[in-house]
Every structure is written in structure tokens, then in C-alpha cells.
Amino acid sequence: MKTAFLKRALPVLAITLILTSLGVFSLSCADDQTETTKLTVAVTILPQASFVKAVGGDKVETVVMVPPGADPHTYEVTPRQMTQLADAQIYAKVGSPIEFELAWLDKLLAVNQDMLVVDCSEGLGLIESQDPDEPGMDPHIWLSVRNAKVMVQNICDGLIQIDPDNRDYYEANCSAYLDQLTELDTDISQSLSGVENRSFIVFHPAFGYFARDYNLTQIGVEQEGKEPNADYLIRLIEEAKANNIHVIFISPEFNTKSAEVIADEIDGQVVIIDPLAEDYISNMLNIAAALKAAMH
């Protein structure tokens, strides 16, 4: 009896195990497919990654070419980044004459010629650069919240072009984020409206668009991308005293030596503000707060 039962039961058990295994395998494949349905969007700088994540949500992953703490003027792409780029469906370029893209963009696009290239600067009016090392148009377009809104819309349009089935999802996220940026612009404008001293000194003049939006005057320390000479330092110190400036702003990737010399002479301090932080809204609020505190 037992032997007969086992003979009948074993094939059933074997089939059950096979079906179970196939089921697990199918689920595993489904999970893999779910993971691979995410769009890979490559961007040049971290603030763009913030924009892509805001619009793309859980349907995208980002690859950032210039990592945290790196200088877009000098950074060189790694082999690992080149490999990541080969799997991207979109490259969202800043589109302004940012040094990194001038040096690297053609090489990056050659790695993956199937990528859709989204120009984040499309529709923007650029202003003249105040940096002698970057003649022509100012590349730092993302440091205007008003510009950022256009950049976000351009990214949204690119995502829809590649993934039209999720148009409603991207448009809803984009609309919500644009509302946040409108509120951010209003908050910064109100925060800085009552500031009497409208001038500020910054080592690398990256805040021209920010200054334009809020009626401020940016004074740069750098000379042709280098430490300033003695004569220029003296002029900066005199200008700082004349404008009652007591704070020198500097980005984290730059040497603080010259800024500290000026700060010592004007009985001031050096304050770090980051034009490339990823959390865009939080960072712009921090920049505005630092400027307001310095100009009071």
C-alpha cells in the first residue's frame, strides 16, 4: 500500500516542485523587468538630477557626470561613468556654455548615439558672463529659480518623448514641482526685498542670474579663473569697504586663501555657499538666507 501510494505521489510532487520553481522564476523575471523599466537619465550637474527626480519620480534613475565636490571647469569623466552612460536613454545637458560640456559633451554623446539629448537651456535668454575666464554668456543658468522652471519643463518634455505612456504621471509631477519653484521664487524675492545693501562679493562669479532676478550686484574675486593679483585684491578691498560688505562668499570646491585675505582686511568672514548642491529648493533657500544675513 505504502509503496503504491509513493509511486503515485512522487510524480505529482515532482510536477508541483517544477511548477513552483517556474512560478518563482517567473516572479523573478517580472521583478527584473520591473527594475529595467526605469529610464536612465544622464545629467551634467547635481541640480539637474534634482529636477529629473522631481518629474520622473520612481520611473527614472539618474547618472550625474560631475559628482559632489567636483569642479565642472576641470572634472574628467571616469571609465565607470562612460559605462553607465551606455545604458542611458536621455542626456539632459545644461545647454549653456558650461566648461564641462564644452570639453566633454561630444565625447559623451559618442558613447551612446541612441540617447535623446534634452537641452535644458532651450527657451532661456542668457546674460553676459562676469567671469573673464568664461567670456561670452554666463553658463550658471540653474542659479535662477525662474530659469529652473524652464529647465524642468524641458526635462518633462524629454521624458514624455521617450516614455509617452506615462505622460500623465510626468505632467502631474512637473506641475506640482513648478508650483514649488514659483513659491520658492516668491519667498526669495520677499526675503531680499528689504535688504538695503544690494552688493555681495563671491570668489567665483556664478550668481549672475540670481543677482539679476533679485536686483542685486555680484562682485567677483577671481581673475581669469586664477587667484587675484595684489593690485586687484586692493581694489576689491576698497570696493568692499565702500559698499559696507563684510562677507566673502566662496564655493566649496575653491581655495579660500584670497577670500580670507579680503575678509581679514574688511574685518569680515568667509562663508561657503554651494551652487551645485543636489537638493535644489533647500539649497536656494540657504543661499538666499546667507546673502540676506550678509547684506543686512
C-alpha atoms as a PDB file:
ATOM      1  CA  MET A   1       0.000   0.000   0.000  1.00  0.00           C
ATOM      2  CA  LYS A   2       2.677   2.462   1.050  1.00  0.00           C
ATOM      3  CA  THR A   3       4.797   1.576  -1.974  1.00  0.00           C
ATOM      4  CA  ALA A   4       1.879   2.066  -4.366  1.00  0.00           C
ATOM      5  CA  PHE A   5       0.972   5.383  -2.751  1.00  0.00           C
ATOM      6  CA  LEU A   6       4.528   6.642  -3.043  1.00  0.00           C
ATOM      7  CA  LYS A   7       4.670   5.635  -6.706  1.00  0.00           C
ATOM      8  CA  ARG A   8       1.547   7.689  -7.384  1.00  0.00           C
ATOM      9  CA  ALA A   9       2.545  10.618  -5.169  1.00  0.00           C
ATOM     10  CA  LEU A  10       6.104  11.136  -6.374  1.00  0.00           C
ATOM     11  CA  PRO A  11       5.209  12.277  -9.921  1.00  0.00           C
ATOM     12  CA  VAL A  12       2.634  14.680  -8.518  1.00  0.00           C
ATOM     13  CA  LEU A  13       5.182  16.029  -6.059  1.00  0.00           C
ATOM     14  CA  ALA A  14       7.758  16.387  -8.809  1.00  0.00           C
ATOM     15  CA  ILE A  15       5.334  18.307 -11.028  1.00  0.00           C
ATOM     16  CA  THR A  16       4.357  20.528  -8.093  1.00  0.00           C
ATOM     17  CA  LEU A  17       8.003  21.335  -7.399  1.00  0.00           C
ATOM     18  CA  ILE A  18       8.641  22.120 -11.063  1.00  0.00           C
ATOM     19  CA  LEU A  19       5.597  24.398 -11.288  1.00  0.00           C
ATOM     20  CA  THR A  20       6.568  26.116  -8.054  1.00  0.00           C
ATOM     21  CA  SER A  21      10.070  26.649  -9.379  1.00  0.00           C
ATOM     22  CA  LEU A  22       8.698  28.047 -12.622  1.00  0.00           C
ATOM     23  CA  GLY A  23       6.429  30.353 -10.650  1.00  0.00           C
ATOM     24  CA  VAL A  24       9.324  31.675  -8.595  1.00  0.00           C
ATOM     25  CA  PHE A  25      11.380  32.063 -11.766  1.00  0.00           C
ATOM     26  CA  SER A  26       8.532  33.950 -13.440  1.00  0.00           C
ATOM     27  CA  LEU A  27       8.189  36.271 -10.463  1.00  0.00           C
ATOM     28  CA  SER A  28      11.938  36.830 -10.512  1.00  0.00           C
ATOM     29  CA  CYS A  29      11.816  37.667 -14.205  1.00  0.00           C
ATOM     30  CA  ALA A  30       8.886  40.011 -13.602  1.00  0.00           C
ATOM     31  CA  ASP A  31      10.844  41.752 -10.859  1.00  0.00           C
ATOM     32  CA  ASP A  32      13.823  42.093 -13.194  1.00  0.00           C
ATOM     33  CA  GLN A  33      11.588  43.529 -15.894  1.00  0.00           C
ATOM     34  CA  THR A  34      10.083  45.983 -13.407  1.00  0.00           C
ATOM     35  CA  GLU A  35      13.535  47.134 -12.406  1.00  0.00           C
ATOM     36  CA  THR A  36      14.662  47.554 -16.004  1.00  0.00           C
ATOM     37  CA  THR A  37      11.620  49.635 -16.954  1.00  0.00           C
ATOM     38  CA  LYS A  38      13.155  52.646 -15.203  1.00  0.00           C
ATOM     39  CA  LEU A  39      14.524  55.216 -17.606  1.00  0.00           C
ATOM     40  CA  THR A  40      18.168  56.131 -17.114  1.00  0.00           C
ATOM     41  CA  VAL A  41      18.673  59.871 -17.459  1.00  0.00           C
ATOM     42  CA  ALA A  42      22.214  61.237 -17.533  1.00  0.00           C
ATOM     43  CA  VAL A  43      22.779  64.831 -16.440  1.00  0.00           C
ATOM     44  CA  THR A  44      25.783  67.102 -16.198  1.00  0.00           C
ATOM     45  CA  ILE A  45      25.343  68.534 -12.683  1.00  0.00           C
ATOM     46  CA  LEU A  46      23.548  67.660  -9.456  1.00  0.00           C
ATOM     47  CA  PRO A  47      20.808  70.338  -9.583  1.00  0.00           C
ATOM     48  CA  GLN A  48      19.612  68.758 -12.836  1.00  0.00           C
ATOM     49  CA  ALA A  49      19.354  65.412 -11.034  1.00  0.00           C
ATOM     50  CA  SER A  50      17.026  67.124  -8.568  1.00  0.00           C
ATOM     51  CA  PHE A  51      14.843  68.275 -11.473  1.00  0.00           C
ATOM     52  CA  VAL A  52      14.797  64.835 -13.117  1.00  0.00           C
ATOM     53  CA  LYS A  53      13.829  63.090  -9.872  1.00  0.00           C
ATOM     54  CA  ALA A  54      11.076  65.629  -9.192  1.00  0.00           C
ATOM     55  CA  VAL A  55       9.464  64.976 -12.579  1.00  0.00           C
ATOM     56  CA  GLY A  56      10.408  61.346 -13.185  1.00  0.00           C
ATOM     57  CA  GLY A  57       9.764  60.052  -9.666  1.00  0.00           C
ATOM     58  CA  ASP A  58      10.081  56.290  -9.354  1.00  0.00           C
ATOM     59  CA  LYS A  59      10.189  55.814 -13.119  1.00  0.00           C
ATOM     60  CA  VAL A  60      13.710  57.189 -13.548  1.00  0.00           C
ATOM     61  CA  GLU A  61      17.221  56.826 -12.252  1.00  0.00           C
ATOM     62  CA  THR A  62      19.938  59.413 -12.786  1.00  0.00           C
ATOM     63  CA  VAL A  63      23.600  59.340 -13.696  1.00  0.00           C
ATOM     64  CA  VAL A  64      25.457  62.544 -12.753  1.00  0.00           C
ATOM     65  CA  MET A  65      28.592  63.358 -14.723  1.00  0.00           C
ATOM     66  CA  VAL A  66      30.054  65.961 -12.330  1.00  0.00           C
ATOM     67  CA  PRO A  67      29.833  64.372  -8.856  1.00  0.00           C
ATOM     68  CA  PRO A  68      29.507  66.148  -5.476  1.00  0.00           C
ATOM     69  CA  GLY A  69      32.536  68.276  -4.623  1.00  0.00           C
ATOM     70  CA  ALA A  70      33.928  68.263  -8.173  1.00  0.00           C
ATOM     71  CA  ASP A  71      34.580  71.375 -10.254  1.00  0.00           C
ATOM     72  CA  PRO A  72      32.772  71.447 -13.637  1.00  0.00           C
ATOM     73  CA  HIS A  73      35.659  73.501 -15.027  1.00  0.00           C
ATOM     74  CA  THR A  74      38.221  70.744 -14.501  1.00  0.00           C
ATOM     75  CA  TYR A  75      36.425  67.437 -13.873  1.00  0.00           C
ATOM     76  CA  GLU A  76      37.306  64.444 -16.076  1.00  0.00           C
ATOM     77  CA  VAL A  77      34.844  61.613 -16.676  1.00  0.00           C
ATOM     78  CA  THR A  78      35.732  58.165 -15.315  1.00  0.00           C
ATOM     79  CA  PRO A  79      35.518  54.854 -17.240  1.00  0.00           C
ATOM     80  CA  ARG A  80      32.728  53.767 -14.875  1.00  0.00           C
ATOM     81  CA  GLN A  81      30.667  56.821 -15.837  1.00  0.00           C
ATOM     82  CA  MET A  82      31.206  56.051 -19.512  1.00  0.00           C
ATOM     83  CA  THR A  83      29.842  52.552 -18.896  1.00  0.00           C
ATOM     84  CA  GLN A  84      26.787  53.953 -17.099  1.00  0.00           C
ATOM     85  CA  LEU A  85      26.203  56.363 -19.960  1.00  0.00           C
ATOM     86  CA  ALA A  86      25.987  53.500 -22.437  1.00  0.00           C
ATOM     87  CA  ASP A  87      22.695  52.419 -20.817  1.00  0.00           C
ATOM     88  CA  ALA A  88      21.069  55.873 -20.699  1.00  0.00           C
ATOM     89  CA  GLN A  89      18.003  56.767 -22.755  1.00  0.00           C
ATOM     90  CA  ILE A  90      18.321  60.534 -22.213  1.00  0.00           C
ATOM     91  CA  TYR A  91      21.164  63.008 -21.734  1.00  0.00           C
ATOM     92  CA  ALA A  92      19.928  66.274 -20.235  1.00  0.00           C
ATOM     93  CA  LYS A  93      22.621  68.825 -20.969  1.00  0.00           C
ATOM     94  CA  VAL A  94      22.719  72.193 -19.227  1.00  0.00           C
ATOM     95  CA  GLY A  95      22.972  73.723 -22.689  1.00  0.00           C
ATOM     96  CA  SER A  96      24.740  76.899 -21.619  1.00  0.00           C
ATOM     97  CA  PRO A  97      28.500  77.226 -22.241  1.00  0.00           C
ATOM     98  CA  ILE A  98      29.415  75.347 -19.042  1.00  0.00           C
ATOM     99  CA  GLU A  99      33.066  74.312 -19.222  1.00  0.00           C
ATOM    100  CA  PHE A 100      32.453  70.610 -18.657  1.00  0.00           C
ATOM    101  CA  GLU A 101      30.092  70.312 -21.614  1.00  0.00           C
ATOM    102  CA  LEU A 102      32.377  72.313 -23.889  1.00  0.00           C
ATOM    103  CA  ALA A 103      35.171  69.847 -23.145  1.00  0.00           C
ATOM    104  CA  TRP A 104      33.262  66.575 -22.850  1.00  0.00           C
ATOM    105  CA  LEU A 105      29.790  66.601 -24.384  1.00  0.00           C
ATOM    106  CA  ASP A 106      30.748  65.384 -27.864  1.00  0.00           C
ATOM    107  CA  LYS A 107      32.737  62.504 -26.356  1.00  0.00           C
ATOM    108  CA  LEU A 108      29.853  61.561 -24.046  1.00  0.00           C
ATOM    109  CA  LEU A 109      27.271  61.560 -26.817  1.00  0.00           C
ATOM    110  CA  ALA A 110      29.548  59.404 -28.983  1.00  0.00           C
ATOM    111  CA  VAL A 111      29.393  56.666 -26.331  1.00  0.00           C
ATOM    112  CA  ASN A 112      25.644  56.252 -26.852  1.00  0.00           C
ATOM    113  CA  GLN A 113      24.300  57.763 -30.043  1.00  0.00           C
ATOM    114  CA  ASP A 114      20.785  56.494 -29.326  1.00  0.00           C
ATOM    115  CA  MET A 115      20.289  58.854 -26.370  1.00  0.00           C
ATOM    116  CA  LEU A 116      17.761  61.645 -26.691  1.00  0.00           C
ATOM    117  CA  VAL A 117      19.590  64.894 -25.937  1.00  0.00           C
ATOM    118  CA  VAL A 118      17.481  67.360 -23.955  1.00  0.00           C
ATOM    119  CA  ASP A 119      18.743  70.950 -23.985  1.00  0.00           C
ATOM    120  CA  CYS A 120      17.746  72.349 -20.597  1.00  0.00           C
ATOM    121  CA  SER A 121      18.566  75.898 -21.731  1.00  0.00           C
ATOM    122  CA  GLU A 122      16.083  75.864 -24.615  1.00  0.00           C
ATOM    123  CA  GLY A 123      13.839  78.909 -24.379  1.00  0.00           C
ATOM    124  CA  LEU A 124      16.106  80.819 -21.992  1.00  0.00           C
ATOM    125  CA  GLY A 125      17.700  84.207 -22.550  1.00  0.00           C
ATOM    126  CA  LEU A 126      21.331  84.077 -21.412  1.00  0.00           C
ATOM    127  CA  ILE A 127      23.184  87.008 -19.872  1.00  0.00           C
ATOM    128  CA  GLU A 128      26.787  88.093 -20.317  1.00  0.00           C
ATOM    129  CA  SER A 129      29.316  86.364 -18.097  1.00  0.00           C
ATOM    130  CA  GLN A 130      31.115  88.432 -15.467  1.00  0.00           C
ATOM    131  CA  ASP A 131      33.951  85.899 -15.358  1.00  0.00           C
ATOM    132  CA  PRO A 132      36.972  86.820 -17.542  1.00  0.00           C
ATOM    133  CA  ASP A 133      37.788  83.100 -17.685  1.00  0.00           C
ATOM    134  CA  GLU A 134      34.362  82.377 -19.225  1.00  0.00           C
ATOM    135  CA  PRO A 135      33.868  85.094 -21.860  1.00  0.00           C
ATOM    136  CA  GLY A 136      30.548  85.219 -23.617  1.00  0.00           C
ATOM    137  CA  MET A 137      27.376  84.048 -21.959  1.00  0.00           C
ATOM    138  CA  ASP A 138      27.060  83.110 -18.283  1.00  0.00           C
ATOM    139  CA  PRO A 139      26.737  79.307 -18.014  1.00  0.00           C
ATOM    140  CA  HIS A 140      25.221  79.180 -14.496  1.00  0.00           C
ATOM    141  CA  ILE A 141      21.595  79.249 -15.639  1.00  0.00           C
ATOM    142  CA  TRP A 142      20.262  76.954 -12.885  1.00  0.00           C
ATOM    143  CA  LEU A 143      21.002  79.565 -10.205  1.00  0.00           C
ATOM    144  CA  SER A 144      17.901  81.439 -11.301  1.00  0.00           C
ATOM    145  CA  VAL A 145      14.720  79.842  -9.984  1.00  0.00           C
ATOM    146  CA  ARG A 146      12.894  81.334 -12.959  1.00  0.00           C
ATOM    147  CA  ASN A 147      15.330  79.635 -15.314  1.00  0.00           C
ATOM    148  CA  ALA A 148      14.973  76.401 -13.356  1.00  0.00           C
ATOM    149  CA  LYS A 149      11.256  76.322 -14.181  1.00  0.00           C
ATOM    150  CA  VAL A 150      12.067  76.310 -17.896  1.00  0.00           C
ATOM    151  CA  MET A 151      14.733  73.635 -17.380  1.00  0.00           C
ATOM    152  CA  VAL A 152      12.233  71.435 -15.528  1.00  0.00           C
ATOM    153  CA  GLN A 153       9.667  71.776 -18.316  1.00  0.00           C
ATOM    154  CA  ASN A 154      12.293  70.850 -20.915  1.00  0.00           C
ATOM    155  CA  ILE A 155      13.158  67.727 -18.910  1.00  0.00           C
ATOM    156  CA  CYS A 156       9.474  66.819 -18.636  1.00  0.00           C
ATOM    157  CA  ASP A 157       9.060  67.154 -22.406  1.00  0.00           C
ATOM    158  CA  GLY A 158      12.043  64.863 -22.940  1.00  0.00           C
ATOM    159  CA  LEU A 159      10.700  62.191 -20.599  1.00  0.00           C
ATOM    160  CA  ILE A 160       7.341  62.250 -22.376  1.00  0.00           C
ATOM    161  CA  GLN A 161       9.038  61.948 -25.759  1.00  0.00           C
ATOM    162  CA  ILE A 162      10.837  58.773 -24.675  1.00  0.00           C
ATOM    163  CA  ASP A 163       8.029  57.379 -22.497  1.00  0.00           C
ATOM    164  CA  PRO A 164       4.677  58.704 -23.795  1.00  0.00           C
ATOM    165  CA  ASP A 165       2.690  56.028 -21.946  1.00  0.00           C
ATOM    166  CA  ASN A 166       3.490  57.828 -18.673  1.00  0.00           C
ATOM    167  CA  ARG A 167       2.697  61.336 -19.920  1.00  0.00           C
ATOM    168  CA  ASP A 168       0.057  61.986 -17.237  1.00  0.00           C
ATOM    169  CA  TYR A 169       2.442  60.916 -14.466  1.00  0.00           C
ATOM    170  CA  TYR A 170       5.251  63.179 -15.667  1.00  0.00           C
ATOM    171  CA  GLU A 171       2.964  66.140 -16.293  1.00  0.00           C
ATOM    172  CA  ALA A 172       1.397  65.883 -12.831  1.00  0.00           C
ATOM    173  CA  ASN A 173       4.813  65.725 -11.152  1.00  0.00           C
ATOM    174  CA  CYS A 174       6.097  68.575 -13.294  1.00  0.00           C
ATOM    175  CA  SER A 175       3.121  70.788 -12.468  1.00  0.00           C
ATOM    176  CA  ALA A 176       3.500  70.147  -8.742  1.00  0.00           C
ATOM    177  CA  TYR A 177       7.227  70.914  -8.811  1.00  0.00           C
ATOM    178  CA  LEU A 178       6.746  74.070 -10.874  1.00  0.00           C
ATOM    179  CA  ASP A 179       4.305  75.260  -8.212  1.00  0.00           C
ATOM    180  CA  GLN A 180       7.001  74.674  -5.591  1.00  0.00           C
ATOM    181  CA  LEU A 181       9.512  76.649  -7.654  1.00  0.00           C
ATOM    182  CA  THR A 182       7.049  79.526  -8.066  1.00  0.00           C
ATOM    183  CA  GLU A 183       6.602  79.597  -4.298  1.00  0.00           C
ATOM    184  CA  LEU A 184      10.389  79.444  -3.850  1.00  0.00           C
ATOM    185  CA  ASP A 185      10.891  82.420  -6.166  1.00  0.00           C
ATOM    186  CA  THR A 186       8.272  84.420  -4.252  1.00  0.00           C
ATOM    187  CA  ASP A 187       9.826  83.543  -0.889  1.00  0.00           C
ATOM    188  CA  ILE A 188      13.322  84.571  -2.000  1.00  0.00           C
ATOM    189  CA  SER A 189      12.057  87.784  -3.584  1.00  0.00           C
ATOM    190  CA  GLN A 190      10.208  88.777  -0.416  1.00  0.00           C
ATOM    191  CA  SER A 191      13.154  87.796   1.776  1.00  0.00           C
ATOM    192  CA  LEU A 192      15.601  90.007  -0.130  1.00  0.00           C
ATOM    193  CA  SER A 193      13.257  92.888  -0.933  1.00  0.00           C
ATOM    194  CA  GLY A 194      14.021  94.831   2.232  1.00  0.00           C
ATOM    195  CA  VAL A 195      17.803  94.492   2.069  1.00  0.00           C
ATOM    196  CA  GLU A 196      19.405  97.925   1.702  1.00  0.00           C
ATOM    197  CA  ASN A 197      22.912  96.838   0.719  1.00  0.00           C
ATOM    198  CA  ARG A 198      22.395  95.181  -2.674  1.00  0.00           C
ATOM    199  CA  SER A 199      26.018  94.148  -3.388  1.00  0.00           C
ATOM    200  CA  PHE A 200      27.867  90.966  -2.463  1.00  0.00           C
ATOM    201  CA  ILE A 201      31.341  89.574  -3.129  1.00  0.00           C
ATOM    202  CA  VAL A 202      31.818  85.996  -4.287  1.00  0.00           C
ATOM    203  CA  PHE A 203      35.067  84.240  -5.214  1.00  0.00           C
ATOM    204  CA  HIS A 204      33.733  82.652  -8.425  1.00  0.00           C
ATOM    205  CA  PRO A 205      31.058  84.837 -10.067  1.00  0.00           C
ATOM    206  CA  ALA A 206      28.435  82.118 -10.524  1.00  0.00           C
ATOM    207  CA  PHE A 207      25.438  84.070  -9.241  1.00  0.00           C
ATOM    208  CA  GLY A 208      24.788  86.492 -12.083  1.00  0.00           C
ATOM    209  CA  TYR A 209      21.303  85.128 -12.836  1.00  0.00           C
ATOM    210  CA  PHE A 210      20.400  85.106  -9.153  1.00  0.00           C
ATOM    211  CA  ALA A 211      21.581  88.722  -8.865  1.00  0.00           C
ATOM    212  CA  ARG A 212      19.569  89.690 -11.957  1.00  0.00           C
ATOM    213  CA  ASP A 213      16.356  88.136 -10.635  1.00  0.00           C
ATOM    214  CA  TYR A 214      16.500  89.892  -7.275  1.00  0.00           C
ATOM    215  CA  ASN A 215      18.117  93.207  -8.241  1.00  0.00           C
ATOM    216  CA  LEU A 216      21.488  92.512  -6.618  1.00  0.00           C
ATOM    217  CA  THR A 217      25.060  93.279  -7.697  1.00  0.00           C
ATOM    218  CA  GLN A 218      27.604  90.469  -7.819  1.00  0.00           C
ATOM    219  CA  ILE A 219      31.313  91.316  -7.418  1.00  0.00           C
ATOM    220  CA  GLY A 220      33.745  88.543  -8.414  1.00  0.00           C
ATOM    221  CA  VAL A 221      37.137  87.852  -6.821  1.00  0.00           C
ATOM    222  CA  GLU A 222      38.641  85.538  -9.447  1.00  0.00           C
ATOM    223  CA  GLN A 223      40.807  86.900 -12.232  1.00  0.00           C
ATOM    224  CA  GLU A 224      40.665  84.759 -15.370  1.00  0.00           C
ATOM    225  CA  GLY A 225      39.995  81.685 -13.270  1.00  0.00           C
ATOM    226  CA  LYS A 226      43.016  82.314 -11.060  1.00  0.00           C
ATOM    227  CA  GLU A 227      43.845  83.826  -7.698  1.00  0.00           C
ATOM    228  CA  PRO A 228      43.730  87.643  -7.998  1.00  0.00           C
ATOM    229  CA  ASN A 229      46.957  89.663  -8.066  1.00  0.00           C
ATOM    230  CA  ALA A 230      47.854  92.187  -5.377  1.00  0.00           C
ATOM    231  CA  ASP A 231      46.521  95.237  -7.256  1.00  0.00           C
ATOM    232  CA  TYR A 232      43.155  93.608  -7.867  1.00  0.00           C
ATOM    233  CA  LEU A 233      42.935  92.476  -4.242  1.00  0.00           C
ATOM    234  CA  ILE A 234      43.477  96.059  -3.108  1.00  0.00           C
ATOM    235  CA  ARG A 235      40.681  97.278  -5.413  1.00  0.00           C
ATOM    236  CA  LEU A 236      38.346  94.571  -4.097  1.00  0.00           C
ATOM    237  CA  ILE A 237      39.097  95.519  -0.502  1.00  0.00           C
ATOM    238  CA  GLU A 238      38.389  99.177  -1.267  1.00  0.00           C
ATOM    239  CA  GLU A 239      35.147  98.257  -3.041  1.00  0.00           C
ATOM    240  CA  ALA A 240      34.074  96.061  -0.135  1.00  0.00           C
ATOM    241  CA  LYS A 241      34.666  98.873   2.336  1.00  0.00           C
ATOM    242  CA  ALA A 242      32.859 101.386   0.117  1.00  0.00           C
ATOM    243  CA  ASN A 243      29.826  99.075  -0.112  1.00  0.00           C
ATOM    244  CA  ASN A 244      29.917  98.094   3.572  1.00  0.00           C
ATOM    245  CA  ILE A 245      30.483  94.430   2.659  1.00  0.00           C
ATOM    246  CA  HIS A 246      31.692  92.133   5.439  1.00  0.00           C
ATOM    247  CA  VAL A 247      31.196  88.661   3.944  1.00  0.00           C
ATOM    248  CA  ILE A 248      33.090  86.958   1.136  1.00  0.00           C
ATOM    249  CA  PHE A 249      31.226  84.032  -0.400  1.00  0.00           C
ATOM    250  CA  ILE A 250      33.032  81.046  -1.855  1.00  0.00           C
ATOM    251  CA  SER A 251      32.035  77.688  -3.331  1.00  0.00           C
ATOM    252  CA  PRO A 252      33.284  74.551  -1.549  1.00  0.00           C
ATOM    253  CA  GLU A 253      35.480  73.426  -4.474  1.00  0.00           C
ATOM    254  CA  PHE A 254      37.669  76.561  -4.370  1.00  0.00           C
ATOM    255  CA  ASN A 255      40.672  77.515  -2.239  1.00  0.00           C
ATOM    256  CA  THR A 256      39.723  80.081   0.396  1.00  0.00           C
ATOM    257  CA  LYS A 257      43.130  81.829   0.586  1.00  0.00           C
ATOM    258  CA  SER A 258      42.295  85.018  -1.351  1.00  0.00           C
ATOM    259  CA  ALA A 259      38.836  85.239   0.196  1.00  0.00           C
ATOM    260  CA  GLU A 260      40.375  85.063   3.663  1.00  0.00           C
ATOM    261  CA  VAL A 261      42.845  87.851   2.807  1.00  0.00           C
ATOM    262  CA  ILE A 262      39.974  90.136   1.815  1.00  0.00           C
ATOM    263  CA  ALA A 263      37.893  89.122   4.835  1.00  0.00           C
ATOM    264  CA  ASP A 264      40.757  89.949   7.197  1.00  0.00           C
ATOM    265  CA  GLU A 265      41.180  93.396   5.658  1.00  0.00           C
ATOM    266  CA  ILE A 266      37.482  94.279   5.905  1.00  0.00           C
ATOM    267  CA  ASP A 267      37.017  92.748   9.351  1.00  0.00           C
ATOM    268  CA  GLY A 268      34.674  90.213   7.801  1.00  0.00           C
ATOM    269  CA  GLN A 269      34.282  86.484   7.298  1.00  0.00           C
ATOM    270  CA  VAL A 270      34.293  83.819   4.601  1.00  0.00           C
ATOM    271  CA  VAL A 271      31.004  81.971   4.069  1.00  0.00           C
ATOM    272  CA  ILE A 272      30.617  78.885   1.886  1.00  0.00           C
ATOM    273  CA  ILE A 273      27.635  78.648  -0.465  1.00  0.00           C
ATOM    274  CA  ASP A 274      27.284  75.760  -2.887  1.00  0.00           C
ATOM    275  CA  PRO A 275      25.963  76.443  -6.409  1.00  0.00           C
ATOM    276  CA  LEU A 276      25.942  72.709  -7.191  1.00  0.00           C
ATOM    277  CA  ALA A 277      24.070  71.080  -4.290  1.00  0.00           C
ATOM    278  CA  GLU A 278      21.530  68.456  -5.344  1.00  0.00           C
ATOM    279  CA  ASP A 279      18.567  69.452  -3.146  1.00  0.00           C
ATOM    280  CA  TYR A 280      17.712  72.443  -5.286  1.00  0.00           C
ATOM    281  CA  ILE A 281      14.929  74.092  -3.308  1.00  0.00           C
ATOM    282  CA  SER A 282      16.635  73.715   0.061  1.00  0.00           C
ATOM    283  CA  ASN A 283      19.930  74.965  -1.344  1.00  0.00           C
ATOM    284  CA  MET A 284      18.439  78.051  -2.981  1.00  0.00           C
ATOM    285  CA  LEU A 285      16.769  78.950   0.308  1.00  0.00           C
ATOM    286  CA  ASN A 286      20.117  78.536   2.065  1.00  0.00           C
ATOM    287  CA  ILE A 287      21.846  80.772  -0.486  1.00  0.00           C
ATOM    288  CA  ALA A 288      19.168  83.451  -0.112  1.00  0.00           C
ATOM    289  CA  ALA A 289      19.372  83.285   3.687  1.00  0.00           C
ATOM    290  CA  ALA A 290      23.171  83.597   3.611  1.00  0.00           C
ATOM    291  CA  LEU A 291      23.020  86.603   1.293  1.00  0.00           C
ATOM    292  CA  LYS A 292      20.323  88.284   3.365  1.00  0.00           C
ATOM    293  CA  ALA A 293      22.332  87.830   6.562  1.00  0.00           C
ATOM    294  CA  ALA A 294      25.450  89.210   4.871  1.00  0.00           C
ATOM    295  CA  MET A 295      23.768  92.260   3.343  1.00  0.00           C
ATOM    296  CA  HIS A 296      21.898  93.451   6.424  1.00  0.00           C
END
